[in-house]
Amino acid sequence: MFNAKMSRRLPKNVMSLERFMLRTEVLKLYKQMLRLVRKIPDQSQRQQLQNFIRQDFELNKNLEDEQAIRMNVMRGKNSMKELERTVHIAQ
């Protein structure tokens, strides 16, 4: 059983389950976007989008506020939908 006494034994830098799930969702979104960009036929456009995606995720990697992280995940999912439409048109 997990109780308060056991929780004191955990290191202070262990992330919560909620934070772990958010992190997993962010990484999944990042990988999906990069995979989708691979389908763009034009090399220079593909490289520009890859750089943009990496920079955007890099800028937000130090976010601590879970609400802000959730908002960015939603923004990323909307961008992913737009990107899917754009890639589909480009093919």
N, C-alpha and C. Protein backbone atom coordinates (compact mmCIF):
# COMPACT_ATOMS: atom_id res chain seq x y z
N MET A 1 0.83 -1.19 0.00
CA MET A 1 0.00 0.00 0.00
C MET A 1 0.87 1.24 0.00
N PHE A 2 0.36 2.25 -0.65
CA PHE A 2 1.07 3.53 -0.73
C PHE A 2 0.49 4.46 0.32
N ASN A 3 1.33 4.95 1.18
CA ASN A 3 0.84 5.88 2.19
C ASN A 3 1.78 7.07 2.29
N ALA A 4 1.48 7.98 3.18
CA ALA A 4 2.26 9.21 3.32
C ALA A 4 3.70 8.91 3.72
N LYS A 5 3.90 7.88 4.52
CA LYS A 5 5.26 7.53 4.95
C LYS A 5 6.10 7.11 3.75
N MET A 6 5.51 6.34 2.84
CA MET A 6 6.23 5.90 1.65
C MET A 6 6.54 7.08 0.73
N SER A 7 5.62 8.05 0.64
CA SER A 7 5.83 9.18 -0.26
C SER A 7 7.01 10.03 0.18
N ARG A 8 7.33 10.01 1.48
CA ARG A 8 8.48 10.78 1.97
C ARG A 8 9.79 10.16 1.51
N ARG A 9 9.77 8.92 1.12
CA ARG A 9 10.98 8.25 0.67
C ARG A 9 11.30 8.58 -0.79
N LEU A 10 10.33 9.06 -1.52
CA LEU A 10 10.56 9.38 -2.92
C LEU A 10 11.44 10.62 -3.04
N PRO A 11 12.33 10.64 -4.01
CA PRO A 11 13.15 11.83 -4.22
C PRO A 11 12.27 13.04 -4.56
N LYS A 12 12.73 14.20 -4.23
CA LYS A 12 11.94 15.42 -4.45
C LYS A 12 11.72 15.72 -5.93
N ASN A 13 12.62 15.26 -6.80
CA ASN A 13 12.50 15.58 -8.22
C ASN A 13 11.65 14.58 -9.02
N VAL A 14 10.97 13.67 -8.37
CA VAL A 14 10.10 12.72 -9.05
C VAL A 14 8.82 13.45 -9.45
N MET A 15 8.47 13.33 -10.74
CA MET A 15 7.29 14.04 -11.22
C MET A 15 6.01 13.28 -10.87
N SER A 16 4.95 14.03 -10.76
CA SER A 16 3.65 13.44 -10.44
C SER A 16 3.14 12.65 -11.65
N LEU A 17 2.15 11.82 -11.41
CA LEU A 17 1.55 11.05 -12.49
C LEU A 17 0.96 11.98 -13.54
N GLU A 18 0.30 13.03 -13.11
CA GLU A 18 -0.29 14.00 -14.04
C GLU A 18 0.80 14.64 -14.91
N ARG A 19 1.89 15.03 -14.28
CA ARG A 19 3.00 15.66 -15.02
C ARG A 19 3.62 14.65 -15.99
N PHE A 20 3.75 13.41 -15.57
CA PHE A 20 4.29 12.36 -16.44
C PHE A 20 3.40 12.15 -17.66
N MET A 21 2.09 12.14 -17.44
CA MET A 21 1.15 11.95 -18.54
C MET A 21 1.20 13.13 -19.51
N LEU A 22 1.32 14.34 -18.99
CA LEU A 22 1.44 15.52 -19.84
C LEU A 22 2.72 15.45 -20.66
N ARG A 23 3.80 15.06 -20.01
CA ARG A 23 5.09 14.95 -20.70
C ARG A 23 5.00 13.92 -21.84
N THR A 24 4.36 12.80 -21.56
CA THR A 24 4.18 11.76 -22.57
C THR A 24 3.36 12.28 -23.74
N GLU A 25 2.32 13.04 -23.44
CA GLU A 25 1.47 13.60 -24.50
C GLU A 25 2.25 14.60 -25.36
N VAL A 26 3.08 15.41 -24.72
CA VAL A 26 3.89 16.39 -25.45
C VAL A 26 4.87 15.68 -26.38
N LEU A 27 5.56 14.68 -25.86
CA LEU A 27 6.52 13.94 -26.67
C LEU A 27 5.85 13.22 -27.84
N LYS A 28 4.67 12.68 -27.60
CA LYS A 28 3.92 12.01 -28.66
C LYS A 28 3.55 13.00 -29.77
N LEU A 29 3.08 14.18 -29.37
CA LEU A 29 2.71 15.21 -30.33
C LEU A 29 3.93 15.65 -31.14
N TYR A 30 5.05 15.84 -30.48
CA TYR A 30 6.29 16.24 -31.14
C TYR A 30 6.69 15.21 -32.20
N LYS A 31 6.68 13.96 -31.84
CA LYS A 31 7.05 12.89 -32.78
C LYS A 31 6.08 12.82 -33.94
N GLN A 32 4.78 12.95 -33.66
CA GLN A 32 3.78 12.91 -34.73
C GLN A 32 4.00 14.04 -35.73
N MET A 33 4.29 15.22 -35.21
CA MET A 33 4.49 16.37 -36.10
C MET A 33 5.73 16.16 -36.97
N LEU A 34 6.81 15.69 -36.38
CA LEU A 34 8.01 15.46 -37.17
C LEU A 34 7.81 14.36 -38.21
N ARG A 35 7.06 13.32 -37.86
CA ARG A 35 6.77 12.26 -38.83
C ARG A 35 5.93 12.78 -39.99
N LEU A 36 4.97 13.63 -39.66
CA LEU A 36 4.10 14.19 -40.68
C LEU A 36 4.89 15.09 -41.64
N VAL A 37 5.81 15.85 -41.11
CA VAL A 37 6.61 16.76 -41.93
C VAL A 37 7.47 15.99 -42.92
N ARG A 38 7.85 14.77 -42.58
CA ARG A 38 8.65 13.94 -43.50
C ARG A 38 7.94 13.69 -44.83
N LYS A 39 6.62 13.81 -44.83
CA LYS A 39 5.84 13.55 -46.04
C LYS A 39 5.84 14.72 -47.02
N ILE A 40 6.35 15.86 -46.60
CA ILE A 40 6.38 17.03 -47.48
C ILE A 40 7.43 16.81 -48.55
N PRO A 41 7.02 16.91 -49.82
CA PRO A 41 7.95 16.60 -50.90
C PRO A 41 9.12 17.59 -51.05
N ASP A 42 8.88 18.86 -50.82
CA ASP A 42 9.92 19.87 -51.00
C ASP A 42 10.89 19.86 -49.82
N GLN A 43 12.15 19.61 -50.12
CA GLN A 43 13.20 19.49 -49.09
C GLN A 43 13.33 20.75 -48.24
N SER A 44 13.35 21.92 -48.87
CA SER A 44 13.55 23.16 -48.11
C SER A 44 12.35 23.46 -47.21
N GLN A 45 11.14 23.23 -47.71
CA GLN A 45 9.95 23.43 -46.87
C GLN A 45 9.93 22.45 -45.71
N ARG A 46 10.31 21.22 -46.00
CA ARG A 46 10.36 20.20 -44.95
C ARG A 46 11.34 20.62 -43.86
N GLN A 47 12.53 21.07 -44.26
CA GLN A 47 13.55 21.49 -43.29
C GLN A 47 13.09 22.70 -42.48
N GLN A 48 12.45 23.66 -43.13
CA GLN A 48 11.95 24.84 -42.43
C GLN A 48 10.91 24.46 -41.38
N LEU A 49 10.00 23.58 -41.75
CA LEU A 49 8.97 23.16 -40.79
C LEU A 49 9.57 22.36 -39.63
N GLN A 50 10.53 21.51 -39.93
CA GLN A 50 11.20 20.75 -38.86
C GLN A 50 11.87 21.72 -37.88
N ASN A 51 12.56 22.71 -38.41
CA ASN A 51 13.22 23.69 -37.56
C ASN A 51 12.21 24.48 -36.73
N PHE A 52 11.10 24.87 -37.36
CA PHE A 52 10.06 25.62 -36.64
C PHE A 52 9.49 24.79 -35.49
N ILE A 53 9.19 23.53 -35.78
CA ILE A 53 8.62 22.63 -34.75
C ILE A 53 9.60 22.47 -33.59
N ARG A 54 10.86 22.20 -33.92
CA ARG A 54 11.87 22.02 -32.88
C ARG A 54 12.02 23.28 -32.03
N GLN A 55 12.07 24.44 -32.67
CA GLN A 55 12.21 25.69 -31.93
C GLN A 55 11.01 25.95 -31.03
N ASP A 56 9.81 25.68 -31.55
CA ASP A 56 8.60 25.92 -30.76
C ASP A 56 8.58 25.03 -29.51
N PHE A 57 8.92 23.77 -29.67
CA PHE A 57 8.96 22.88 -28.52
C PHE A 57 10.10 23.25 -27.58
N GLU A 58 11.22 23.64 -28.14
CA GLU A 58 12.38 24.03 -27.33
C GLU A 58 12.06 25.27 -26.48
N LEU A 59 11.36 26.23 -27.05
CA LEU A 59 11.00 27.44 -26.32
C LEU A 59 10.12 27.16 -25.10
N ASN A 60 9.34 26.10 -25.19
CA ASN A 60 8.37 25.79 -24.13
C ASN A 60 8.79 24.63 -23.24
N LYS A 61 10.01 24.14 -23.40
CA LYS A 61 10.40 22.95 -22.65
C LYS A 61 10.52 23.19 -21.14
N ASN A 62 10.69 24.42 -20.72
CA ASN A 62 10.85 24.70 -19.30
C ASN A 62 9.57 25.15 -18.61
N LEU A 63 8.45 25.01 -19.28
CA LEU A 63 7.18 25.38 -18.65
C LEU A 63 6.93 24.51 -17.42
N GLU A 64 6.52 25.12 -16.35
CA GLU A 64 6.23 24.39 -15.11
C GLU A 64 4.73 24.32 -14.83
N ASP A 65 4.01 25.33 -15.25
CA ASP A 65 2.57 25.42 -14.98
C ASP A 65 1.82 24.38 -15.83
N GLU A 66 1.17 23.45 -15.17
CA GLU A 66 0.48 22.38 -15.88
C GLU A 66 -0.65 22.91 -16.76
N GLN A 67 -1.30 23.97 -16.33
CA GLN A 67 -2.37 24.56 -17.14
C GLN A 67 -1.79 25.14 -18.43
N ALA A 68 -0.65 25.79 -18.34
CA ALA A 68 0.02 26.34 -19.52
C ALA A 68 0.47 25.22 -20.45
N ILE A 69 0.93 24.13 -19.88
CA ILE A 69 1.35 22.98 -20.69
C ILE A 69 0.14 22.41 -21.44
N ARG A 70 -0.98 22.27 -20.73
CA ARG A 70 -2.21 21.76 -21.37
C ARG A 70 -2.65 22.66 -22.52
N MET A 71 -2.58 23.98 -22.28
CA MET A 71 -2.96 24.95 -23.32
C MET A 71 -2.06 24.80 -24.54
N ASN A 72 -0.78 24.62 -24.32
CA ASN A 72 0.15 24.46 -25.44
C ASN A 72 -0.06 23.14 -26.16
N VAL A 73 -0.44 22.10 -25.43
CA VAL A 73 -0.75 20.83 -26.07
C VAL A 73 -1.97 20.99 -26.98
N MET A 74 -2.98 21.69 -26.50
CA MET A 74 -4.17 21.93 -27.33
C MET A 74 -3.81 22.76 -28.56
N ARG A 75 -2.98 23.77 -28.38
CA ARG A 75 -2.52 24.59 -29.50
C ARG A 75 -1.75 23.72 -30.49
N GLY A 76 -0.92 22.84 -29.97
CA GLY A 76 -0.15 21.94 -30.82
C GLY A 76 -1.03 20.98 -31.59
N LYS A 77 -2.07 20.48 -30.96
CA LYS A 77 -2.99 19.56 -31.65
C LYS A 77 -3.73 20.28 -32.78
N ASN A 78 -4.11 21.53 -32.53
CA ASN A 78 -4.74 22.31 -33.59
C ASN A 78 -3.77 22.56 -34.74
N SER A 79 -2.53 22.86 -34.41
CA SER A 79 -1.51 23.05 -35.44
C SER A 79 -1.27 21.75 -36.21
N MET A 80 -1.34 20.64 -35.51
CA MET A 80 -1.16 19.33 -36.14
C MET A 80 -2.26 19.09 -37.18
N LYS A 81 -3.49 19.45 -36.84
CA LYS A 81 -4.60 19.28 -37.79
C LYS A 81 -4.38 20.14 -39.03
N GLU A 82 -3.94 21.38 -38.83
CA GLU A 82 -3.65 22.26 -39.96
C GLU A 82 -2.52 21.69 -40.81
N LEU A 83 -1.51 21.20 -40.14
CA LEU A 83 -0.37 20.62 -40.84
C LEU A 83 -0.78 19.40 -41.65
N GLU A 84 -1.66 18.58 -41.09
CA GLU A 84 -2.15 17.40 -41.82
C GLU A 84 -2.87 17.82 -43.09
N ARG A 85 -3.71 18.86 -43.00
CA ARG A 85 -4.43 19.35 -44.18
C ARG A 85 -3.44 19.88 -45.21
N THR A 86 -2.45 20.63 -44.74
CA THR A 86 -1.46 21.21 -45.65
C THR A 86 -0.65 20.13 -46.35
N VAL A 87 -0.22 19.14 -45.61
CA VAL A 87 0.57 18.04 -46.19
C VAL A 87 -0.27 17.27 -47.20
N HIS A 88 -1.52 17.05 -46.86
CA HIS A 88 -2.41 16.32 -47.77
C HIS A 88 -2.57 17.09 -49.09
N ILE A 89 -2.68 18.39 -49.02
CA ILE A 89 -2.82 19.23 -50.23
C ILE A 89 -1.51 19.21 -51.03
N ALA A 90 -0.38 19.21 -50.33
CA ALA A 90 0.92 19.27 -51.00
C ALA A 90 1.25 17.98 -51.73
N GLN A 91 0.65 16.88 -51.36
CA GLN A 91 0.99 15.59 -51.99
C GLN A 91 0.30 15.42 -53.29
